[in-house]
Amino acid sequence: KAAVIREWVAQGRLAPVDPHHLIFSIWATTQHY
C-alpha cells in the first residue's frame, strides 16, 4: 500500500508525503479513540 501511495505522489495526485509516515499517522489518530 505504501507503493500505491508513492505512485500517487509521483503522478502528482497527492502532495509529497512519505507513505509509511502517512499510514502511521492514520493508525495513531484513529486507534487513539
PDB file of all heavy atoms in Angstrom:
ATOM      1  N   LYS A   1       0.826  -1.209   0.000  1.00  0.00           N
ATOM      2  CA  LYS A   1       0.000   0.000   0.000  1.00  0.00           C
ATOM      3  C   LYS A   1       0.860   1.260   0.000  1.00  0.00           C
ATOM      4  O   LYS A   1       0.463   2.293  -0.547  1.00  0.00           O
ATOM      5  CB  LYS A   1      -0.945  -0.012   1.199  1.00  0.00           C
ATOM      6  CG  LYS A   1      -1.925  -1.186   1.183  1.00  0.00           C
ATOM      7  CD  LYS A   1      -2.670  -1.295  -0.148  1.00  0.00           C
ATOM      8  CE  LYS A   1      -3.625  -2.485  -0.169  1.00  0.00           C
ATOM      9  NZ  LYS A   1      -4.361  -2.585  -1.456  1.00  0.00           N
ATOM     10  N   ALA A   2       2.046   1.176   0.597  1.00  0.00           N
ATOM     11  CA  ALA A   2       2.975   2.313   0.536  1.00  0.00           C
ATOM     12  C   ALA A   2       3.390   2.566  -0.915  1.00  0.00           C
ATOM     13  O   ALA A   2       3.543   3.721  -1.345  1.00  0.00           O
ATOM     14  CB  ALA A   2       4.200   2.046   1.404  1.00  0.00           C
ATOM     15  N   ALA A   3       3.549   1.494  -1.688  1.00  0.00           N
ATOM     16  CA  ALA A   3       3.898   1.637  -3.094  1.00  0.00           C
ATOM     17  C   ALA A   3       2.769   2.334  -3.867  1.00  0.00           C
ATOM     18  O   ALA A   3       3.029   3.140  -4.774  1.00  0.00           O
ATOM     19  CB  ALA A   3       4.186   0.269  -3.703  1.00  0.00           C
ATOM     20  N   VAL A   4       1.529   2.030  -3.511  1.00  0.00           N
ATOM     21  CA  VAL A   4       0.379   2.683  -4.148  1.00  0.00           C
ATOM     22  C   VAL A   4       0.403   4.179  -3.848  1.00  0.00           C
ATOM     23  O   VAL A   4       0.252   5.014  -4.750  1.00  0.00           O
ATOM     24  CB  VAL A   4      -0.943   2.064  -3.645  1.00  0.00           C
ATOM     25  CG1 VAL A   4      -2.139   2.900  -4.107  1.00  0.00           C
ATOM     26  CG2 VAL A   4      -1.077   0.626  -4.134  1.00  0.00           C
ATOM     27  N   ILE A   5       0.605   4.541  -2.587  1.00  0.00           N
ATOM     28  CA  ILE A   5       0.642   5.956  -2.202  1.00  0.00           C
ATOM     29  C   ILE A   5       1.812   6.656  -2.872  1.00  0.00           C
ATOM     30  O   ILE A   5       1.694   7.797  -3.356  1.00  0.00           O
ATOM     31  CB  ILE A   5       0.726   6.082  -0.668  1.00  0.00           C
ATOM     32  CG1 ILE A   5      -0.541   5.514  -0.023  1.00  0.00           C
ATOM     33  CG2 ILE A   5       0.935   7.534  -0.250  1.00  0.00           C
ATOM     34  CD1 ILE A   5      -0.462   5.366   1.489  1.00  0.00           C
ATOM     35  N   ARG A   6       2.960   5.988  -2.933  1.00  0.00           N
ATOM     36  CA  ARG A   6       4.148   6.566  -3.578  1.00  0.00           C
ATOM     37  C   ARG A   6       3.875   6.837  -5.052  1.00  0.00           C
ATOM     38  O   ARG A   6       4.325   7.852  -5.612  1.00  0.00           O
ATOM     39  CB  ARG A   6       5.324   5.615  -3.401  1.00  0.00           C
ATOM     40  CG  ARG A   6       6.684   6.233  -3.688  1.00  0.00           C
ATOM     41  CD  ARG A   6       7.813   5.285  -3.333  1.00  0.00           C
ATOM     42  NE  ARG A   6       7.946   5.123  -1.882  1.00  0.00           N
ATOM     43  CZ  ARG A   6       7.680   4.005  -1.237  1.00  0.00           C
ATOM     44  NH1 ARG A   6       7.275   2.930  -1.893  1.00  0.00           N
ATOM     45  NH2 ARG A   6       7.832   3.944   0.076  1.00  0.00           N
ATOM     46  N   GLU A   7       3.132   5.946  -5.680  1.00  0.00           N
ATOM     47  CA  GLU A   7       2.770   6.124  -7.087  1.00  0.00           C
ATOM     48  C   GLU A   7       1.838   7.320  -7.256  1.00  0.00           C
ATOM     49  O   GLU A   7       1.984   8.103  -8.200  1.00  0.00           O
ATOM     50  CB  GLU A   7       2.101   4.855  -7.603  1.00  0.00           C
ATOM     51  CG  GLU A   7       1.790   4.870  -9.090  1.00  0.00           C
ATOM     52  CD  GLU A   7       1.230   3.551  -9.575  1.00  0.00           C
ATOM     53  OE1 GLU A   7       1.802   2.499  -9.202  1.00  0.00           O
ATOM     54  OE2 GLU A   7       0.221   3.564 -10.311  1.00  0.00           O
ATOM     55  N   TRP A   8       0.885   7.487  -6.336  1.00  0.00           N
ATOM     56  CA  TRP A   8       0.001   8.653  -6.399  1.00  0.00           C
ATOM     57  C   TRP A   8       0.794   9.952  -6.286  1.00  0.00           C
ATOM     58  O   TRP A   8       0.512  10.923  -6.987  1.00  0.00           O
ATOM     59  CB  TRP A   8      -1.025   8.581  -5.264  1.00  0.00           C
ATOM     60  CG  TRP A   8      -2.090   7.544  -5.457  1.00  0.00           C
ATOM     61  CD1 TRP A   8      -2.466   6.957  -6.631  1.00  0.00           C
ATOM     62  CD2 TRP A   8      -2.924   6.980  -4.447  1.00  0.00           C
ATOM     63  NE1 TRP A   8      -3.489   6.066  -6.413  1.00  0.00           N
ATOM     64  CE2 TRP A   8      -3.795   6.054  -5.084  1.00  0.00           C
ATOM     65  CE3 TRP A   8      -3.033   7.160  -3.074  1.00  0.00           C
ATOM     66  CZ2 TRP A   8      -4.747   5.317  -4.393  1.00  0.00           C
ATOM     67  CZ3 TRP A   8      -3.993   6.426  -2.369  1.00  0.00           C
ATOM     68  CH2 TRP A   8      -4.834   5.523  -3.024  1.00  0.00           C
ATOM     69  N   VAL A   9       1.777   9.958  -5.393  1.00  0.00           N
ATOM     70  CA  VAL A   9       2.616  11.154  -5.236  1.00  0.00           C
ATOM     71  C   VAL A   9       3.386  11.415  -6.524  1.00  0.00           C
ATOM     72  O   VAL A   9       3.457  12.554  -7.005  1.00  0.00           O
ATOM     73  CB  VAL A   9       3.580  10.988  -4.045  1.00  0.00           C
ATOM     74  CG1 VAL A   9       4.584  12.141  -4.000  1.00  0.00           C
ATOM     75  CG2 VAL A   9       2.809  10.919  -2.728  1.00  0.00           C
ATOM     76  N   ALA A  10       3.981  10.380  -7.104  1.00  0.00           N
ATOM     77  CA  ALA A  10       4.762  10.525  -8.334  1.00  0.00           C
ATOM     78  C   ALA A  10       3.905  11.029  -9.491  1.00  0.00           C
ATOM     79  O   ALA A  10       4.390  11.757 -10.372  1.00  0.00           O
ATOM     80  CB  ALA A  10       5.403   9.187  -8.694  1.00  0.00           C
ATOM     81  N   GLN A  11       2.624  10.661  -9.484  1.00  0.00           N
ATOM     82  CA  GLN A  11       1.704  11.093 -10.541  1.00  0.00           C
ATOM     83  C   GLN A  11       1.160  12.490 -10.299  1.00  0.00           C
ATOM     84  O   GLN A  11       0.392  13.011 -11.122  1.00  0.00           O
ATOM     85  CB  GLN A  11       0.539  10.105 -10.634  1.00  0.00           C
ATOM     86  CG  GLN A  11       0.935   8.719 -11.124  1.00  0.00           C
ATOM     87  CD  GLN A  11      -0.198   7.701 -10.975  1.00  0.00           C
ATOM     88  OE1 GLN A  11      -1.203   7.961 -10.293  1.00  0.00           O
ATOM     89  NE2 GLN A  11      -0.049   6.555 -11.613  1.00  0.00           N
ATOM     90  N   GLY A  12       1.543  13.090  -9.174  1.00  0.00           N
ATOM     91  CA  GLY A  12       1.052  14.426  -8.854  1.00  0.00           C
ATOM     92  C   GLY A  12      -0.372  14.435  -8.341  1.00  0.00           C
ATOM     93  O   GLY A  12      -1.040  15.473  -8.337  1.00  0.00           O
ATOM     94  N   ARG A  13      -0.857  13.287  -7.870  1.00  0.00           N
ATOM     95  CA  ARG A  13      -2.229  13.197  -7.380  1.00  0.00           C
ATOM     96  C   ARG A  13      -2.310  13.410  -5.870  1.00  0.00           C
ATOM     97  O   ARG A  13      -3.387  13.585  -5.313  1.00  0.00           O
ATOM     98  CB  ARG A  13      -2.813  11.837  -7.749  1.00  0.00           C
ATOM     99  CG  ARG A  13      -2.815  11.587  -9.250  1.00  0.00           C
ATOM    100  CD  ARG A  13      -3.192  10.159  -9.581  1.00  0.00           C
ATOM    101  NE  ARG A  13      -4.600   9.902  -9.329  1.00  0.00           N
ATOM    102  CZ  ARG A  13      -5.134   8.684  -9.303  1.00  0.00           C
ATOM    103  NH1 ARG A  13      -4.341   7.612  -9.476  1.00  0.00           N
ATOM    104  NH2 ARG A  13      -6.421   8.524  -9.088  1.00  0.00           N
ATOM    105  N   LEU A  14      -1.161  13.378  -5.205  1.00  0.00           N
ATOM    106  CA  LEU A  14      -1.051  13.692  -3.777  1.00  0.00           C
ATOM    107  C   LEU A  14       0.167  14.572  -3.571  1.00  0.00           C
ATOM    108  O   LEU A  14       1.149  14.478  -4.317  1.00  0.00           O
ATOM    109  CB  LEU A  14      -0.884  12.417  -2.946  1.00  0.00           C
ATOM    110  CG  LEU A  14      -2.085  11.537  -2.649  1.00  0.00           C
ATOM    111  CD1 LEU A  14      -1.652  10.370  -1.753  1.00  0.00           C
ATOM    112  CD2 LEU A  14      -3.223  12.308  -1.986  1.00  0.00           C
ATOM    113  N   ALA A  15       0.102  15.402  -2.540  1.00  0.00           N
ATOM    114  CA  ALA A  15       1.274  16.204  -2.184  1.00  0.00           C
ATOM    115  C   ALA A  15       2.391  15.273  -1.720  1.00  0.00           C
ATOM    116  O   ALA A  15       2.126  14.159  -1.256  1.00  0.00           O
ATOM    117  CB  ALA A  15       0.911  17.184  -1.071  1.00  0.00           C
ATOM    118  N   PRO A  16       3.645  15.698  -1.865  1.00  0.00           N
ATOM    119  CA  PRO A  16       4.763  14.844  -1.431  1.00  0.00           C
ATOM    120  C   PRO A  16       4.627  14.465   0.042  1.00  0.00           C
ATOM    121  O   PRO A  16       4.522  15.314   0.916  1.00  0.00           O
ATOM    122  CB  PRO A  16       5.986  15.733  -1.665  1.00  0.00           C
ATOM    123  CG  PRO A  16       5.563  16.656  -2.752  1.00  0.00           C
ATOM    124  CD  PRO A  16       4.111  16.944  -2.489  1.00  0.00           C
ATOM    125  N   VAL A  17       4.596  13.179   0.306  1.00  0.00           N
ATOM    126  CA  VAL A  17       4.468  12.674   1.664  1.00  0.00           C
ATOM    127  C   VAL A  17       5.084  11.282   1.706  1.00  0.00           C
ATOM    128  O   VAL A  17       4.994  10.531   0.729  1.00  0.00           O
ATOM    129  CB  VAL A  17       2.977  12.623   2.101  1.00  0.00           C
ATOM    130  CG1 VAL A  17       2.178  11.684   1.212  1.00  0.00           C
ATOM    131  CG2 VAL A  17       2.840  12.222   3.559  1.00  0.00           C
ATOM    132  N   ASP A  18       5.722  10.940   2.811  1.00  0.00           N
ATOM    133  CA  ASP A  18       6.255   9.595   2.958  1.00  0.00           C
ATOM    134  C   ASP A  18       5.094   8.657   3.270  1.00  0.00           C
ATOM    135  O   ASP A  18       4.356   8.857   4.241  1.00  0.00           O
ATOM    136  CB  ASP A  18       7.283   9.549   4.091  1.00  0.00           C
ATOM    137  CG  ASP A  18       7.856   8.153   4.262  1.00  0.00           C
ATOM    138  OD1 ASP A  18       7.251   7.353   5.006  1.00  0.00           O
ATOM    139  OD2 ASP A  18       8.906   7.862   3.653  1.00  0.00           O
ATOM    140  N   PRO A  19       4.900   7.615   2.460  1.00  0.00           N
ATOM    141  CA  PRO A  19       3.742   6.738   2.649  1.00  0.00           C
ATOM    142  C   PRO A  19       3.679   6.078   4.021  1.00  0.00           C
ATOM    143  O   PRO A  19       2.596   5.971   4.614  1.00  0.00           O
ATOM    144  CB  PRO A  19       3.909   5.685   1.544  1.00  0.00           C
ATOM    145  CG  PRO A  19       4.773   6.324   0.524  1.00  0.00           C
ATOM    146  CD  PRO A  19       5.689   7.225   1.280  1.00  0.00           C
ATOM    147  N   HIS A  20       4.809   5.628   4.533  1.00  0.00           N
ATOM    148  CA  HIS A  20       4.794   4.937   5.822  1.00  0.00           C
ATOM    149  C   HIS A  20       4.401   5.895   6.948  1.00  0.00           C
ATOM    150  O   HIS A  20       3.618   5.535   7.835  1.00  0.00           O
ATOM    151  CB  HIS A  20       6.155   4.300   6.110  1.00  0.00           C
ATOM    152  CG  HIS A  20       6.421   3.087   5.279  1.00  0.00           C
ATOM    153  ND1 HIS A  20       7.101   3.131   4.078  1.00  0.00           N
ATOM    154  CD2 HIS A  20       6.067   1.774   5.456  1.00  0.00           C
ATOM    155  CE1 HIS A  20       7.176   1.919   3.565  1.00  0.00           C
ATOM    156  NE2 HIS A  20       6.557   1.074   4.369  1.00  0.00           N
ATOM    157  N   HIS A  21       4.915   7.107   6.904  1.00  0.00           N
ATOM    158  CA  HIS A  21       4.546   8.068   7.948  1.00  0.00           C
ATOM    159  C   HIS A  21       3.071   8.453   7.851  1.00  0.00           C
ATOM    160  O   HIS A  21       2.421   8.704   8.876  1.00  0.00           O
ATOM    161  CB  HIS A  21       5.444   9.310   7.876  1.00  0.00           C
ATOM    162  CG  HIS A  21       6.851   9.057   8.313  1.00  0.00           C
ATOM    163  ND1 HIS A  21       7.165   8.653   9.597  1.00  0.00           N
ATOM    164  CD2 HIS A  21       8.027   9.124   7.640  1.00  0.00           C
ATOM    165  CE1 HIS A  21       8.474   8.492   9.701  1.00  0.00           C
ATOM    166  NE2 HIS A  21       9.014   8.764   8.533  1.00  0.00           N
ATOM    167  N   LEU A  22       2.543   8.495   6.636  1.00  0.00           N
ATOM    168  CA  LEU A  22       1.115   8.770   6.470  1.00  0.00           C
ATOM    169  C   LEU A  22       0.291   7.651   7.099  1.00  0.00           C
ATOM    170  O   LEU A  22      -0.654   7.913   7.861  1.00  0.00           O
ATOM    171  CB  LEU A  22       0.773   8.897   4.979  1.00  0.00           C
ATOM    172  CG  LEU A  22      -0.720   9.026   4.644  1.00  0.00           C
ATOM    173  CD1 LEU A  22      -1.336  10.243   5.324  1.00  0.00           C
ATOM    174  CD2 LEU A  22      -0.926   9.080   3.132  1.00  0.00           C
ATOM    175  N   ILE A  23       0.640   6.404   6.818  1.00  0.00           N
ATOM    176  CA  ILE A  23      -0.086   5.265   7.386  1.00  0.00           C
ATOM    177  C   ILE A  23       0.041   5.253   8.907  1.00  0.00           C
ATOM    178  O   ILE A  23      -0.943   5.042   9.625  1.00  0.00           O
ATOM    179  CB  ILE A  23       0.440   3.950   6.780  1.00  0.00           C
ATOM    180  CG1 ILE A  23       0.072   3.883   5.290  1.00  0.00           C
ATOM    181  CG2 ILE A  23      -0.133   2.739   7.524  1.00  0.00           C
ATOM    182  CD1 ILE A  23       0.730   2.729   4.539  1.00  0.00           C
ATOM    183  N   PHE A  24       1.251   5.505   9.428  1.00  0.00           N
ATOM    184  CA  PHE A  24       1.452   5.536  10.882  1.00  0.00           C
ATOM    185  C   PHE A  24       0.586   6.619  11.525  1.00  0.00           C
ATOM    186  O   PHE A  24       0.020   6.412  12.614  1.00  0.00           O
ATOM    187  CB  PHE A  24       2.918   5.794  11.222  1.00  0.00           C
ATOM    188  CG  PHE A  24       3.867   4.713  10.762  1.00  0.00           C
ATOM    189  CD1 PHE A  24       5.222   4.987  10.619  1.00  0.00           C
ATOM    190  CD2 PHE A  24       3.414   3.436  10.466  1.00  0.00           C
ATOM    191  CE1 PHE A  24       6.100   3.996  10.194  1.00  0.00           C
ATOM    192  CE2 PHE A  24       4.288   2.438  10.040  1.00  0.00           C
ATOM    193  CZ  PHE A  24       5.645   2.728   9.904  1.00  0.00           C
ATOM    194  N   SER A  25       0.489   7.777  10.877  1.00  0.00           N
ATOM    195  CA  SER A  25      -0.312   8.878  11.432  1.00  0.00           C
ATOM    196  C   SER A  25      -1.791   8.513  11.495  1.00  0.00           C
ATOM    197  O   SER A  25      -2.484   8.835  12.471  1.00  0.00           O
ATOM    198  CB  SER A  25      -0.128  10.151  10.585  1.00  0.00           C
ATOM    199  OG  SER A  25       1.205  10.613  10.649  1.00  0.00           O
ATOM    200  N   ILE A  26      -2.280   7.823  10.455  1.00  0.00           N
ATOM    201  CA  ILE A  26      -3.677   7.394  10.448  1.00  0.00           C
ATOM    202  C   ILE A  26      -3.921   6.367  11.551  1.00  0.00           C
ATOM    203  O   ILE A  26      -4.920   6.435  12.277  1.00  0.00           O
ATOM    204  CB  ILE A  26      -4.060   6.831   9.066  1.00  0.00           C
ATOM    205  CG1 ILE A  26      -4.026   7.951   8.019  1.00  0.00           C
ATOM    206  CG2 ILE A  26      -5.448   6.187   9.113  1.00  0.00           C
ATOM    207  CD1 ILE A  26      -4.212   7.460   6.588  1.00  0.00           C
ATOM    208  N   TRP A  27      -3.004   5.424  11.696  1.00  0.00           N
ATOM    209  CA  TRP A  27      -3.142   4.439  12.772  1.00  0.00           C
ATOM    210  C   TRP A  27      -3.194   5.126  14.132  1.00  0.00           C
ATOM    211  O   TRP A  27      -4.041   4.816  14.974  1.00  0.00           O
ATOM    212  CB  TRP A  27      -1.961   3.471  12.753  1.00  0.00           C
ATOM    213  CG  TRP A  27      -1.960   2.504  11.621  1.00  0.00           C
ATOM    214  CD1 TRP A  27      -2.951   2.312  10.679  1.00  0.00           C
ATOM    215  CD2 TRP A  27      -0.910   1.596  11.280  1.00  0.00           C
ATOM    216  NE1 TRP A  27      -2.579   1.352   9.781  1.00  0.00           N
ATOM    217  CE2 TRP A  27      -1.336   0.880  10.126  1.00  0.00           C
ATOM    218  CE3 TRP A  27       0.335   1.313  11.830  1.00  0.00           C
ATOM    219  CZ2 TRP A  27      -0.537  -0.098   9.524  1.00  0.00           C
ATOM    220  CZ3 TRP A  27       1.127   0.333  11.232  1.00  0.00           C
ATOM    221  CH2 TRP A  27       0.690  -0.356  10.097  1.00  0.00           C
ATOM    222  N   ALA A  28      -2.254   6.047  14.353  1.00  0.00           N
ATOM    223  CA  ALA A  28      -2.150   6.689  15.668  1.00  0.00           C
ATOM    224  C   ALA A  28      -3.411   7.456  16.027  1.00  0.00           C
ATOM    225  O   ALA A  28      -3.912   7.364  17.160  1.00  0.00           O
ATOM    226  CB  ALA A  28      -0.933   7.619  15.696  1.00  0.00           C
ATOM    227  N   THR A  29      -3.935   8.221  15.075  1.00  0.00           N
ATOM    228  CA  THR A  29      -5.101   9.053  15.386  1.00  0.00           C
ATOM    229  C   THR A  29      -6.378   8.226  15.525  1.00  0.00           C
ATOM    230  O   THR A  29      -7.171   8.438  16.442  1.00  0.00           O
ATOM    231  CB  THR A  29      -5.308  10.133  14.305  1.00  0.00           C
ATOM    232  OG1 THR A  29      -5.292   9.530  13.004  1.00  0.00           O
ATOM    233  CG2 THR A  29      -4.209  11.181  14.373  1.00  0.00           C
ATOM    234  N   THR A  30      -6.589   7.282  14.623  1.00  0.00           N
ATOM    235  CA  THR A  30      -7.846   6.523  14.669  1.00  0.00           C
ATOM    236  C   THR A  30      -7.889   5.564  15.852  1.00  0.00           C
ATOM    237  O   THR A  30      -8.939   5.392  16.481  1.00  0.00           O
ATOM    238  CB  THR A  30      -8.061   5.744  13.357  1.00  0.00           C
ATOM    239  OG1 THR A  30      -6.928   4.895  13.109  1.00  0.00           O
ATOM    240  CG2 THR A  30      -8.232   6.693  12.183  1.00  0.00           C
ATOM    241  N   GLN A  31      -6.774   4.925  16.166  1.00  0.00           N
ATOM    242  CA  GLN A  31      -6.771   3.965  17.268  1.00  0.00           C
ATOM    243  C   GLN A  31      -6.788   4.628  18.640  1.00  0.00           C
ATOM    244  O   GLN A  31      -7.153   3.993  19.630  1.00  0.00           O
ATOM    245  CB  GLN A  31      -5.538   3.054  17.152  1.00  0.00           C
ATOM    246  CG  GLN A  31      -5.667   2.053  16.018  1.00  0.00           C
ATOM    247  CD  GLN A  31      -4.345   1.404  15.669  1.00  0.00           C
ATOM    248  OE1 GLN A  31      -3.950   1.383  14.525  1.00  0.00           O
ATOM    249  NE2 GLN A  31      -3.654   0.876  16.658  1.00  0.00           N
ATOM    250  N   HIS A  32      -6.409   5.880  18.691  1.00  0.00           N
ATOM    251  CA  HIS A  32      -6.435   6.601  19.969  1.00  0.00           C
ATOM    252  C   HIS A  32      -7.813   6.541  20.613  1.00  0.00           C
ATOM    253  O   HIS A  32      -7.935   6.425  21.831  1.00  0.00           O
ATOM    254  CB  HIS A  32      -6.031   8.061  19.734  1.00  0.00           C
ATOM    255  CG  HIS A  32      -6.071   8.900  20.971  1.00  0.00           C
ATOM    256  ND1 HIS A  32      -4.988   9.065  21.800  1.00  0.00           N
ATOM    257  CD2 HIS A  32      -7.077   9.632  21.528  1.00  0.00           C
ATOM    258  CE1 HIS A  32      -5.316   9.853  22.811  1.00  0.00           C
ATOM    259  NE2 HIS A  32      -6.577  10.210  22.673  1.00  0.00           N
ATOM    260  N   TYR A  33      -8.850   6.584  19.790  1.00  0.00           N
ATOM    261  CA  TYR A  33     -10.212   6.648  20.317  1.00  0.00           C
ATOM    262  C   TYR A  33     -10.641   5.352  21.003  1.00  0.00           C
ATOM    263  O   TYR A  33     -11.554   5.366  21.825  1.00  0.00           O
ATOM    264  CB  TYR A  33     -11.189   7.014  19.189  1.00  0.00           C
ATOM    265  CG  TYR A  33     -11.006   8.442  18.732  1.00  0.00           C
ATOM    266  CD1 TYR A  33     -10.076   8.748  17.737  1.00  0.00           C
ATOM    267  CD2 TYR A  33     -11.715   9.479  19.315  1.00  0.00           C
ATOM    268  CE1 TYR A  33      -9.876  10.055  17.330  1.00  0.00           C
ATOM    269  CE2 TYR A  33     -11.536  10.793  18.912  1.00  0.00           C
ATOM    270  CZ  TYR A  33     -10.601  11.082  17.919  1.00  0.00           C
ATOM    271  OH  TYR A  33     -10.393  12.370  17.531  1.00  0.00           O
TER     272      TYR A  33
END
